[in-house]
């Protein structure tokens, strides 16, 4: 799942104004890479993990770490059940607690789903767009 800041702040502003409080948002930065050449961490690469189909490796090229996959699914279920995707250690598949921060326009923290290190991080500290690999596209598309 990719997190794009383009236009996302407006969505957050709207949600905050409608709800009048801070909210958890789909502020996810998925860093797990496919073994399929040039795919890297492409759109929808996490779906086989989220829907518990590790055998579906057409896009991923491999099975992701089982504990990582279980933890990610558990966070989705926790969000559906409680409205808060954070996981206490007692129900976490790997026994570690995961605190998913509320998204706010000041800190702009996103949840980084790295296969061996799930953690929150400031959006500004992440290299979300790899300009070295995408700069040539500016000849064809206006960014």
Protein backbone atom coordinates (compact mmCIF):
# COMPACT_ATOMS: atom_id res chain seq x y z
CA UNK A 1 0.00 0.00 0.00
CA UNK A 2 1.44 3.32 -0.92
CA UNK A 3 0.91 6.49 0.98
CA UNK A 4 0.90 9.56 -1.19
CA UNK A 5 0.92 13.00 0.34
CA UNK A 6 -0.40 14.54 -2.90
CA UNK A 7 -3.90 15.69 -2.04
CA UNK A 8 -4.02 13.52 1.08
CA UNK A 9 -3.85 16.48 3.47
CA UNK A 10 -7.17 17.74 2.07
CA UNK A 11 -8.76 14.36 2.82
CA UNK A 12 -7.41 14.45 6.37
CA UNK A 13 -8.64 18.04 6.82
CA UNK A 14 -12.10 17.01 5.66
CA UNK A 15 -12.20 13.98 7.96
CA UNK A 16 -11.07 16.07 10.93
CA UNK A 17 -13.62 18.79 10.25
CA UNK A 18 -16.45 16.26 9.90
CA UNK A 19 -15.52 14.21 12.94
CA UNK A 20 -14.11 17.03 15.06
CA UNK A 21 -11.39 14.77 16.44
CA UNK A 22 -8.20 12.99 15.48
CA UNK A 23 -8.58 9.82 13.45
CA UNK A 24 -6.59 6.78 12.37
CA UNK A 25 -6.11 6.89 8.64
CA UNK A 26 -4.71 4.60 5.99
CA UNK A 27 -1.33 6.23 6.48
CA UNK A 28 0.72 3.22 5.46
CA UNK A 29 4.11 3.03 3.82
CA UNK A 30 4.60 -0.54 2.62
CA UNK A 31 8.30 -1.24 1.97
CA UNK A 32 8.32 -5.00 1.36
CA UNK A 33 9.64 -5.69 -2.12
CA UNK A 34 8.70 -8.31 -4.67
CA UNK A 35 11.32 -10.59 -6.15
CA UNK A 36 9.73 -10.00 -9.59
CA UNK A 37 12.17 -7.83 -11.60
CA UNK A 38 11.24 -4.11 -11.65
CA UNK A 39 8.15 -4.67 -9.45
CA UNK A 40 9.77 -3.57 -6.18
CA UNK A 41 6.98 -2.52 -3.78
CA UNK A 42 4.31 -1.99 -6.38
CA UNK A 43 0.64 -1.18 -6.05
CA UNK A 44 -1.42 -4.01 -4.47
CA UNK A 45 1.66 -6.12 -3.65
CA UNK A 46 0.35 -6.55 -0.09
CA UNK A 47 -2.99 -8.11 -1.06
CA UNK A 48 -1.85 -11.73 -0.88
CA UNK A 49 -0.63 -11.02 2.65
CA UNK A 50 -3.72 -9.12 3.78
CA UNK A 51 -6.12 -11.75 2.45
CA UNK A 52 -3.99 -14.69 3.65
CA UNK A 53 -3.05 -16.20 0.31
CA UNK A 54 0.73 -16.68 0.60
CA UNK A 55 0.62 -19.14 -2.31
CA UNK A 56 -0.42 -16.29 -4.64
CA UNK A 57 3.06 -15.17 -5.69
CA UNK A 58 2.34 -13.81 -9.19
CA UNK A 59 3.00 -10.22 -8.05
CA UNK A 60 5.15 -10.84 -4.98
CA UNK A 61 7.43 -13.41 -6.58
CA UNK A 62 7.83 -15.03 -3.16
CA UNK A 63 6.03 -15.59 0.11
CA UNK A 64 6.48 -12.85 2.67
CA UNK A 65 7.58 -13.60 6.23
CA UNK A 66 4.74 -15.49 7.93
CA UNK A 67 4.90 -13.58 11.22
CA UNK A 68 4.92 -10.24 9.36
CA UNK A 69 1.87 -11.34 7.36
CA UNK A 70 -0.01 -12.45 10.49
CA UNK A 71 0.83 -9.18 12.26
CA UNK A 72 -0.40 -7.11 9.34
CA UNK A 73 -3.66 -9.08 9.15
CA UNK A 74 -4.14 -8.81 12.91
CA UNK A 75 -3.78 -5.02 12.69
CA UNK A 76 -6.43 -4.87 9.95
CA UNK A 77 -8.78 -7.02 12.04
CA UNK A 78 -8.05 -4.97 15.17
CA UNK A 79 -8.98 -1.81 13.25
CA UNK A 80 -12.22 -3.39 12.00
CA UNK A 81 -13.17 -4.57 15.50
CA UNK A 82 -12.16 -1.57 17.60
CA UNK A 83 -11.46 1.35 15.27
CA UNK A 84 -7.84 1.36 16.45
CA UNK A 85 -5.25 -0.73 14.55
CA UNK A 86 -2.72 -0.69 17.42
CA UNK A 87 -1.82 -4.13 18.79
CA UNK A 88 -1.02 -4.90 22.42
CA UNK A 89 1.72 -7.49 22.94
CA UNK A 90 -0.68 -10.12 24.33
CA UNK A 91 -2.58 -10.47 21.02
CA UNK A 92 0.29 -9.70 18.65
CA UNK A 93 1.54 -12.72 16.62
CA UNK A 94 5.17 -11.95 17.50
CA UNK A 95 4.52 -10.84 21.09
CA UNK A 96 5.54 -7.21 20.38
CA UNK A 97 3.24 -4.25 20.96
CA UNK A 98 2.57 -1.95 17.97
CA UNK A 99 1.29 1.54 18.65
CA UNK A 100 -0.25 3.05 15.52
CA UNK A 101 -0.19 6.84 15.96
CA UNK A 102 -3.14 9.04 15.10
CA UNK A 103 -2.46 10.95 11.90
CA UNK A 104 -2.23 14.67 12.38
CA UNK A 105 -1.21 17.44 10.03
CA UNK A 106 1.62 18.62 12.31
CA UNK A 107 3.63 15.42 12.84
CA UNK A 108 2.38 13.48 9.79
CA UNK A 109 3.44 10.07 11.07
CA UNK A 110 2.80 7.03 8.92
CA UNK A 111 3.01 3.35 9.81
CA UNK A 112 5.93 1.73 8.01
CA UNK A 113 5.32 -1.91 7.12
CA UNK A 114 8.83 -3.26 6.64
CA UNK A 115 8.93 -7.05 6.56
CA UNK A 116 11.10 -7.25 9.67
CA UNK A 117 10.40 -3.91 11.34
CA UNK A 118 6.89 -2.49 11.61
CA UNK A 119 7.13 1.00 13.13
CA UNK A 120 5.74 4.56 12.94
CA UNK A 121 7.88 7.22 11.30
CA UNK A 122 7.51 10.84 10.22
CA UNK A 123 6.50 11.09 6.58
CA UNK A 124 9.17 13.77 6.02
CA UNK A 125 11.93 11.31 7.01
CA UNK A 126 10.93 8.73 4.40
CA UNK A 127 12.05 8.59 0.80
CA UNK A 128 8.58 7.95 -0.59
CA UNK A 129 9.43 8.75 -4.20
CA UNK A 130 12.70 7.51 -5.69
CA UNK A 131 13.58 10.40 -8.00
CA UNK A 132 16.65 8.60 -9.36
CA UNK A 133 14.38 5.91 -10.82
CA UNK A 134 11.47 8.14 -11.86
CA UNK A 135 12.98 11.45 -12.98
CA UNK A 136 13.04 10.36 -16.64
CA UNK A 137 9.22 10.23 -16.51
CA UNK A 138 9.06 14.03 -16.21
CA UNK A 139 9.72 14.12 -19.95
CA UNK A 140 6.39 12.40 -20.45
CA UNK A 141 4.28 13.47 -17.48
CA UNK A 142 3.88 16.76 -15.64
CA UNK A 143 4.65 16.28 -11.95
